[in-house]
Amino acid sequence: MANRSVTLYRKCKTSDGWKRFPVVMSANGRVKTDAVIEKGIETVYPVGHYELRSFEGSKTVWKRVEGNATEALAALKETQKKATAIALAGDAGVGIIEESERKAIKAEAGKFVEAAKDRGSLEAAEIYERTLEDFLLGCRKTYVDELVHDDVVRFHRAMRERGLAPRTISNRHANLCSFFSYLGFDKAKMKVVSGPKPRYEKTLPEIYEPDDLKSFFASLEDEYDQLFFDVLLQTGLREREAVHLEWTDISRARKTLKVQSKPKWNHKVKDAEERELPISQELLDRLTAYHEDHKGALVFGKNEGKTDNPETHFLRRLKRLARKAKLNCGVCETCVASKQCERWFLHKFRATYITTLLRNGMDLRTVMKLSGHSDIESVMRYLRPAEDDAVQERVNAIKWR
């Protein structure tokens, strides 16, 4: 009879590097989590993964098993059954064509997210991870080849029932399609499984009007807050870009602010493209004066610049300051439910920056470079022809009746 021995091991990270050890089975036939037999002694190694050991003739074959101890045991039993069936068929002189290895959706989703992290797309990885967690929560399938259009429809329905905005649903559908593409779906299969992209009403980006900004900044008592929100307004930095801004990024000689990756903070610029922004003399002078009493690496470190750790709660801070200044609209759902006005959010400063540049006659390509967008169409969303004085004058001059 052919060799059909299949055993379960755990590959662990030890003080001497990565090593494989046999797993520990409990009295009830289950695999003990993270436990292995090392030199006859039961030992626990939290970091590692499970592997199946089998043989092809005299060659040892190792196959990684994705998942926890329970999933590893299930994979062991399934592999042992197949090995037994193949061996018995061989002894009986019957040939068996083995089914090609099936891909588990959950395992492939994990690989997809890790691939995004490996290429430095950390923000994309976070979005993919959130999307796929939601998809897997409602997906009743185990393997990739089982996926059908109904699984995507169920995903859409769950998002609508949770009250997600149509645009968010459309974006998450696009993220899911990126996953399907990673799985190797061709155009025909993609069309059948994913179906059409959910439609939504395209709206103009929200911006802060001058009166909003005047009231908000007049209410700020702390220099830290004034500088942070002025930097957002006058440079259009994304939140993570501002949070990881360092004093070495600011050049007083060139009057510029450089946006670049920060490996030590695990922060990478979007689209892996650095850019340099001009800043006003007034803002530069304020930053220089502020730097005299704040010598850490980060411009806006935690605890109002007193510690050299990134601050991660600026959105919460903005909403609290807006509420304190009595600038909440009082009518949106979040105002009514939690006094956290939805009209006040960080990205709105970026939208205001881009719109202000366009209103002041800056060309689209320059705005694209300064804002860090990768295409002109993204910038064109901020064009508001109806607000142009010349257009308004022409409308006023028309005799409608």
Protein backbone atom coordinates (compact mmCIF):
# COMPACT_ATOMS: atom_id res chain seq x y z
CA MET A 1 0.00 0.00 0.00
CA ALA A 2 1.27 3.53 -0.85
CA ASN A 3 2.52 5.80 1.92
CA ARG A 4 -0.48 7.82 3.06
CA SER A 5 0.90 9.23 6.32
CA VAL A 6 -0.26 12.82 6.90
CA THR A 7 0.55 14.59 10.18
CA LEU A 8 -0.01 18.04 11.59
CA TYR A 9 2.84 20.28 12.68
CA ARG A 10 3.13 23.87 13.84
CA LYS A 11 5.85 26.14 12.46
CA CYS A 12 6.77 28.44 15.32
CA LYS A 13 8.89 31.51 15.85
CA THR A 14 11.39 30.63 18.56
CA SER A 15 14.36 32.44 20.03
CA ASP A 16 16.51 30.39 17.62
CA GLY A 17 14.41 31.19 14.55
CA TRP A 18 11.49 29.41 12.84
CA LYS A 19 11.15 25.70 13.63
CA ARG A 20 8.57 22.97 13.08
CA PHE A 21 7.22 20.79 15.92
CA PRO A 22 4.43 18.18 16.21
CA VAL A 23 1.20 19.59 17.63
CA VAL A 24 -0.28 18.57 20.98
CA MET A 25 -3.56 16.64 20.95
CA SER A 26 -5.87 16.88 23.95
CA ALA A 27 -7.70 13.92 25.50
CA ASN A 28 -10.87 14.76 23.53
CA GLY A 29 -9.03 14.58 20.21
CA ARG A 30 -8.64 18.30 19.62
CA VAL A 31 -5.51 20.26 18.81
CA LYS A 32 -4.29 22.39 21.70
CA THR A 33 -3.96 25.99 20.59
CA ASP A 34 -0.31 27.09 20.01
CA ALA A 35 0.99 24.01 21.87
CA VAL A 36 3.75 21.78 20.44
CA ILE A 37 6.04 18.96 21.53
CA GLU A 38 9.66 20.15 21.72
CA LYS A 39 12.20 17.56 22.85
CA GLY A 40 9.44 15.55 24.49
CA ILE A 41 8.09 18.54 26.45
CA GLU A 42 4.83 20.39 25.81
CA THR A 43 5.65 24.02 24.92
CA VAL A 44 3.56 26.98 23.78
CA TYR A 45 4.62 29.31 20.96
CA PRO A 46 2.01 32.02 20.26
CA VAL A 47 3.57 33.15 16.96
CA GLY A 48 3.34 30.65 14.13
CA HIS A 49 1.07 28.72 11.80
CA TYR A 50 0.02 25.13 11.14
CA GLU A 51 1.42 22.90 8.39
CA LEU A 52 0.57 19.44 7.07
CA ARG A 53 3.43 17.03 6.51
CA SER A 54 3.05 14.35 3.86
CA PHE A 55 5.32 12.39 1.49
CA GLU A 56 5.74 12.00 -2.23
CA GLY A 57 7.88 8.88 -2.38
CA SER A 58 10.88 9.72 -0.22
CA LYS A 59 10.32 13.48 -0.51
CA THR A 60 8.78 15.35 2.46
CA VAL A 61 6.08 17.82 1.48
CA TRP A 62 4.94 20.71 3.72
CA LYS A 63 1.64 22.49 3.12
CA ARG A 64 0.62 25.56 5.10
CA VAL A 65 -2.84 25.54 6.71
CA GLU A 66 -4.61 28.86 7.11
CA GLY A 67 -6.63 29.36 10.29
CA ASN A 68 -6.70 28.35 13.94
CA ALA A 69 -6.21 25.00 15.67
CA THR A 70 -9.77 23.83 14.92
CA GLU A 71 -9.44 24.66 11.23
CA ALA A 72 -6.03 22.98 11.11
CA LEU A 73 -7.48 19.77 12.58
CA ALA A 74 -10.31 19.82 10.03
CA ALA A 75 -7.76 20.22 7.23
CA LEU A 76 -5.75 17.29 8.64
CA LYS A 77 -8.77 14.98 8.71
CA GLU A 78 -9.82 15.97 5.20
CA THR A 79 -6.33 15.42 3.82
CA GLN A 80 -6.03 12.06 5.59
CA LYS A 81 -9.34 10.93 4.04
CA LYS A 82 -8.13 11.87 0.56
CA ALA A 83 -4.78 10.16 1.10
CA THR A 84 -6.52 6.99 2.26
CA ALA A 85 -8.89 6.99 -0.71
CA ILE A 86 -6.05 7.49 -3.18
CA ALA A 87 -3.98 4.72 -1.57
CA LEU A 88 -6.88 2.23 -1.55
CA ALA A 89 -7.71 3.02 -5.15
CA GLY A 90 -4.09 2.49 -6.12
CA ASP A 91 -3.98 -0.87 -4.39
CA ALA A 92 -7.12 -1.86 -6.26
CA GLY A 93 -5.61 -0.80 -9.56
CA VAL A 94 -8.05 2.12 -9.99
CA GLY A 95 -6.75 5.49 -11.15
CA ILE A 96 -7.97 8.70 -9.47
CA ILE A 97 -7.70 12.16 -10.91
CA GLU A 98 -7.34 14.52 -7.95
CA GLU A 99 -9.49 17.64 -7.85
CA SER A 100 -7.41 20.78 -8.24
CA GLU A 101 -6.86 22.53 -4.94
CA ARG A 102 -9.76 24.82 -4.06
CA LYS A 103 -9.13 28.32 -2.76
CA ALA A 104 -10.82 29.31 0.51
CA ILE A 105 -12.43 32.77 0.33
CA LYS A 106 -11.34 33.75 3.84
CA ALA A 107 -7.71 32.77 3.24
CA GLU A 108 -7.57 34.56 -0.12
CA ALA A 109 -9.08 37.69 1.44
CA GLY A 110 -6.27 37.73 3.99
CA LYS A 111 -3.65 37.35 1.26
CA PHE A 112 -5.27 40.17 -0.74
CA VAL A 113 -5.08 42.58 2.20
CA GLU A 114 -1.49 41.58 2.97
CA ALA A 115 -0.53 42.14 -0.67
CA ALA A 116 -1.81 45.73 -0.41
CA LYS A 117 0.25 46.24 2.76
CA ASP A 118 3.36 44.76 1.13
CA ARG A 119 3.24 47.28 -1.71
CA GLY A 120 2.86 50.13 0.79
CA SER A 121 -0.84 50.87 0.19
CA LEU A 122 -1.74 50.96 3.89
CA GLU A 123 -4.89 53.08 3.49
CA ALA A 124 -6.13 50.81 0.70
CA ALA A 125 -5.38 47.76 2.85
CA GLU A 126 -7.53 49.17 5.68
CA ILE A 127 -10.41 49.83 3.28
CA TYR A 128 -10.11 46.37 1.67
CA GLU A 129 -10.01 44.70 5.07
CA ARG A 130 -13.16 46.50 6.25
CA THR A 131 -14.99 45.68 3.00
CA LEU A 132 -14.06 42.00 3.01
CA GLU A 133 -14.89 41.56 6.69
CA ASP A 134 -18.42 42.81 5.92
CA PHE A 135 -18.66 40.63 2.82
CA LEU A 136 -17.51 37.48 4.64
CA LEU A 137 -19.93 38.17 7.48
CA GLY A 138 -22.89 37.59 5.17
CA CYS A 139 -21.31 35.21 2.66
CA ARG A 140 -22.50 31.62 3.05
CA LYS A 141 -19.81 30.12 0.84
CA THR A 142 -16.43 28.64 1.75
CA TYR A 143 -14.60 28.39 -1.55
CA VAL A 144 -13.93 30.89 -4.31
CA ASP A 145 -15.46 28.66 -7.01
CA GLU A 146 -18.77 28.74 -5.12
CA LEU A 147 -19.24 32.51 -5.40
CA VAL A 148 -22.27 33.68 -7.38
CA HIS A 149 -24.06 36.97 -7.99
CA ASP A 150 -26.50 36.35 -5.11
CA ASP A 151 -23.58 36.64 -2.67
CA VAL A 152 -22.89 40.17 -3.94
CA VAL A 153 -26.60 41.07 -3.88
CA ARG A 154 -26.77 39.91 -0.25
CA PHE A 155 -23.74 42.11 0.52
CA HIS A 156 -25.46 45.16 -1.02
CA ARG A 157 -28.67 44.46 0.90
CA ALA A 158 -26.82 44.18 4.23
CA MET A 159 -25.11 47.54 3.64
CA ARG A 160 -28.41 49.25 2.78
CA GLU A 161 -30.05 47.80 5.90
CA ARG A 162 -27.19 49.26 7.98
CA GLY A 163 -27.96 52.67 6.52
CA LEU A 164 -24.75 53.13 4.53
CA ALA A 165 -24.83 55.90 1.93
CA PRO A 166 -25.27 54.91 -1.75
CA ARG A 167 -21.82 56.27 -2.58
CA THR A 168 -20.24 54.16 0.19
CA ILE A 169 -22.03 51.06 -1.11
CA SER A 170 -20.77 51.79 -4.62
CA ASN A 171 -17.19 52.25 -3.36
CA ARG A 172 -17.27 49.00 -1.40
CA HIS A 173 -18.62 47.20 -4.46
CA ALA A 174 -15.56 48.50 -6.36
CA ASN A 175 -13.30 47.21 -3.56
CA LEU A 176 -14.95 43.79 -3.79
CA CYS A 177 -14.40 43.76 -7.56
CA SER A 178 -10.69 44.46 -6.94
CA PHE A 179 -10.67 41.33 -4.78
CA PHE A 180 -12.37 39.32 -7.53
CA SER A 181 -9.74 40.55 -9.99
CA TYR A 182 -7.03 39.40 -7.55
CA LEU A 183 -8.71 35.97 -7.53
CA GLY A 184 -8.23 35.79 -11.30
CA PHE A 185 -11.80 36.38 -12.46
CA ASP A 186 -11.84 37.19 -16.18
CA LYS A 187 -14.17 39.84 -17.63
CA ALA A 188 -16.97 37.38 -18.32
CA LYS A 189 -16.93 35.86 -14.84
CA MET A 190 -16.56 39.29 -13.23
CA LYS A 191 -19.66 40.49 -15.05
CA VAL A 192 -21.70 37.46 -13.97
CA VAL A 193 -20.62 37.39 -10.32
CA SER A 194 -20.28 41.09 -9.45
CA GLY A 195 -23.06 42.49 -11.63
CA PRO A 196 -23.35 46.24 -12.33
CA LYS A 197 -21.82 48.79 -9.99
CA PRO A 198 -24.48 50.35 -7.72
CA ARG A 199 -25.35 53.84 -8.86
CA TYR A 200 -25.48 56.92 -6.67
CA GLU A 201 -26.18 60.59 -7.05
CA LYS A 202 -22.92 62.46 -7.51
CA THR A 203 -22.74 65.53 -5.28
CA LEU A 204 -20.38 68.47 -5.10
CA PRO A 205 -17.68 68.23 -2.42
CA GLU A 206 -18.72 70.06 0.76
CA ILE A 207 -16.68 73.13 1.68
CA TYR A 208 -16.58 75.58 4.59
CA GLU A 209 -17.93 79.00 3.72
CA PRO A 210 -16.01 82.13 4.86
CA ASP A 211 -18.49 82.86 7.67
CA ASP A 212 -18.09 79.31 9.01
CA LEU A 213 -14.32 79.62 9.05
CA LYS A 214 -14.35 83.09 10.60
CA SER A 215 -16.57 81.97 13.47
CA PHE A 216 -14.66 78.73 14.00
CA PHE A 217 -11.17 80.23 14.13
CA ALA A 218 -12.37 83.13 16.29
CA SER A 219 -13.57 80.58 18.86
CA LEU A 220 -10.23 78.75 19.13
CA GLU A 221 -8.35 79.58 22.31
CA ASP A 222 -5.41 77.21 21.94
CA GLU A 223 -2.52 77.97 19.56
CA TYR A 224 -2.15 74.24 18.87
CA ASP A 225 -5.70 74.07 17.50
CA GLN A 226 -5.35 77.29 15.51
CA LEU A 227 -2.17 76.06 13.82
CA PHE A 228 -3.39 72.55 13.08
CA PHE A 229 -6.64 73.62 11.42
CA ASP A 230 -4.92 76.48 9.61
CA VAL A 231 -2.39 74.01 8.20
CA LEU A 232 -5.27 71.86 6.94
CA LEU A 233 -6.99 74.88 5.43
CA GLN A 234 -3.89 76.45 3.82
CA THR A 235 -2.16 73.30 2.56
CA GLY A 236 -4.97 70.81 1.91
CA LEU A 237 -3.13 68.02 3.75
CA ARG A 238 -4.96 64.76 4.30
CA GLU A 239 -5.45 63.85 7.96
CA ARG A 240 -2.64 61.26 8.09
CA GLU A 241 -0.31 63.64 6.27
CA ALA A 242 -0.93 66.36 8.87
CA VAL A 243 -0.72 63.96 11.80
CA HIS A 244 2.73 62.76 10.67
CA LEU A 245 4.07 66.18 9.67
CA GLU A 246 7.57 66.73 11.09
CA TRP A 247 9.48 69.95 11.61
CA THR A 248 12.11 68.77 9.13
CA ASP A 249 9.39 68.80 6.44
CA ILE A 250 9.12 72.59 6.68
CA SER A 251 11.71 74.72 4.86
CA ARG A 252 11.87 78.33 5.98
CA ALA A 253 14.33 79.19 3.18
CA ARG A 254 12.06 77.86 0.41
CA LYS A 255 8.81 78.64 2.26
CA THR A 256 7.55 75.14 1.56
CA LEU A 257 6.11 72.13 3.30
CA LYS A 258 7.11 68.67 2.06
CA VAL A 259 4.70 65.73 2.11
CA GLN A 260 6.63 62.46 2.31
CA SER A 261 6.49 58.96 3.77
CA LYS A 262 7.47 58.36 7.41
CA PRO A 263 8.69 54.75 7.78
CA LYS A 264 9.20 55.05 11.54
CA TRP A 265 5.52 55.97 11.93
CA ASN A 266 4.48 53.32 9.37
CA HIS A 267 3.02 56.10 7.21
CA LYS A 268 3.29 56.21 3.41
CA VAL A 269 2.05 58.97 1.14
CA LYS A 270 -0.91 58.13 -1.07
CA ASP A 271 0.01 56.83 -4.54
CA ALA A 272 3.67 56.78 -3.34
CA GLU A 273 4.18 60.31 -4.67
CA GLU A 274 5.89 62.99 -2.60
CA ARG A 275 4.98 66.64 -3.14
CA GLU A 276 6.11 70.05 -1.94
CA LEU A 277 3.61 72.80 -1.08
CA PRO A 278 4.12 76.56 -0.86
CA ILE A 279 3.01 78.10 2.44
CA SER A 280 2.29 81.72 3.22
CA GLN A 281 4.82 83.89 5.08
CA GLU A 282 2.23 84.50 7.81
CA LEU A 283 1.72 80.77 8.46
CA LEU A 284 5.45 80.11 8.24
CA ASP A 285 6.17 82.78 10.87
CA ARG A 286 3.57 81.31 13.23
CA LEU A 287 4.97 77.80 12.80
CA THR A 288 8.51 79.07 13.42
CA ALA A 289 7.46 80.83 16.62
CA TYR A 290 5.57 77.74 17.78
CA HIS A 291 8.63 75.57 17.13
CA GLU A 292 10.64 77.51 19.69
CA ASP A 293 8.70 75.83 22.51
CA HIS A 294 8.05 72.48 20.77
CA LYS A 295 11.26 70.63 19.94
CA GLY A 296 9.90 67.14 19.24
CA ALA A 297 9.97 65.52 15.81
CA LEU A 298 6.23 65.90 15.14
CA VAL A 299 4.65 69.29 14.58
CA PHE A 300 1.33 68.16 16.05
CA GLY A 301 2.29 65.45 18.52
CA LYS A 302 -0.08 64.03 21.09
CA ASN A 303 -1.20 66.07 24.11
CA GLU A 304 -1.02 69.35 22.19
CA GLY A 305 2.52 68.77 21.00
CA LYS A 306 3.91 67.87 24.42
CA THR A 307 4.71 64.26 23.49
CA ASP A 308 6.31 62.86 20.35
CA ASN A 309 3.52 60.42 19.44
CA PRO A 310 0.97 60.90 16.63
CA GLU A 311 -2.39 62.36 17.70
CA THR A 312 -5.18 60.15 16.37
CA HIS A 313 -8.33 61.94 17.54
CA PHE A 314 -8.44 65.15 15.54
CA LEU A 315 -11.92 64.43 14.14
CA ARG A 316 -13.28 64.05 17.67
CA ARG A 317 -11.42 67.24 18.61
CA LEU A 318 -12.92 69.17 15.69
CA LYS A 319 -16.47 68.16 16.52
CA ARG A 320 -15.98 69.05 20.18
CA LEU A 321 -14.61 72.48 19.28
CA ALA A 322 -17.45 73.15 16.84
CA ARG A 323 -20.01 72.20 19.48
CA LYS A 324 -18.28 74.39 22.07
CA ALA A 325 -18.37 77.33 19.62
CA LYS A 326 -22.11 76.71 19.08
CA LEU A 327 -21.57 76.04 15.38
CA ASN A 328 -23.54 72.78 15.17
CA CYS A 329 -26.33 72.94 12.61
CA GLY A 330 -28.81 71.39 15.08
CA VAL A 331 -30.78 69.57 12.40
CA CYS A 332 -28.60 66.71 11.07
CA GLU A 333 -29.10 63.21 12.48
CA THR A 334 -25.84 63.16 14.44
CA CYS A 335 -26.56 66.58 15.94
CA VAL A 336 -29.87 65.34 17.26
CA ALA A 337 -28.53 61.94 18.39
CA SER A 338 -25.12 62.83 19.87
CA LYS A 339 -24.45 66.55 19.34
CA GLN A 340 -21.66 65.55 16.93
CA CYS A 341 -22.50 67.68 13.87
CA GLU A 342 -21.94 65.92 10.54
CA ARG A 343 -21.24 69.28 8.87
CA TRP A 344 -17.87 69.43 10.64
CA PHE A 345 -15.30 66.92 9.37
CA LEU A 346 -11.57 67.07 8.57
CA HIS A 347 -11.68 66.36 4.83
CA LYS A 348 -13.86 69.44 4.40
CA PHE A 349 -10.78 71.61 5.03
CA ARG A 350 -9.04 69.87 2.11
CA ALA A 351 -12.06 70.42 -0.14
CA THR A 352 -12.10 74.10 0.88
CA TYR A 353 -8.38 74.42 0.06
CA ILE A 354 -8.80 72.98 -3.44
CA THR A 355 -11.93 75.02 -4.14
CA THR A 356 -10.23 78.21 -2.94
CA LEU A 357 -7.28 77.64 -5.28
CA LEU A 358 -9.64 77.17 -8.22
CA ARG A 359 -11.75 80.20 -7.28
CA ASN A 360 -8.58 82.29 -7.31
CA GLY A 361 -7.72 81.31 -10.87
CA MET A 362 -5.11 78.58 -10.34
CA ASP A 363 -4.99 76.14 -13.27
CA LEU A 364 -6.22 72.57 -12.91
CA ARG A 365 -2.86 70.86 -13.43
CA THR A 366 -1.14 72.92 -10.74
CA VAL A 367 -4.01 72.27 -8.31
CA MET A 368 -3.75 68.56 -9.14
CA LYS A 369 -0.04 68.54 -8.20
CA LEU A 370 -0.49 70.60 -5.02
CA SER A 371 -3.41 68.52 -3.76
CA GLY A 372 -1.75 65.19 -4.53
CA HIS A 373 -4.47 63.95 -6.89
CA SER A 374 -3.46 61.51 -9.62
CA ASP A 375 -5.80 62.82 -12.34
CA ILE A 376 -7.44 66.01 -13.57
CA GLU A 377 -10.99 64.61 -13.27
CA SER A 378 -10.67 64.33 -9.49
CA VAL A 379 -9.83 68.04 -9.30
CA MET A 380 -12.61 69.03 -11.71
CA ARG A 381 -15.17 67.83 -9.14
CA TYR A 382 -14.32 70.97 -7.16
CA LEU A 383 -15.12 73.37 -10.01
CA ARG A 384 -18.23 75.41 -9.24
CA PRO A 385 -19.06 77.47 -12.36
CA ALA A 386 -22.31 78.77 -10.86
CA GLU A 387 -20.28 80.63 -8.22
CA ASP A 388 -18.09 82.46 -10.76
CA ASP A 389 -18.77 86.24 -10.79
CA ALA A 390 -18.55 86.45 -14.58
CA VAL A 391 -21.07 83.62 -14.98
CA GLN A 392 -23.37 85.28 -12.45
CA GLU A 393 -23.22 88.57 -14.37
CA ARG A 394 -24.14 86.83 -17.61
CA VAL A 395 -27.10 85.10 -15.98
CA ASN A 396 -28.30 88.43 -14.55
CA ALA A 397 -28.09 90.00 -18.03
CA ILE A 398 -30.33 87.38 -19.65
CA LYS A 399 -33.94 88.42 -20.36
CA TRP A 400 -35.84 85.31 -19.51
CA ARG A 401 -39.31 86.60 -20.46
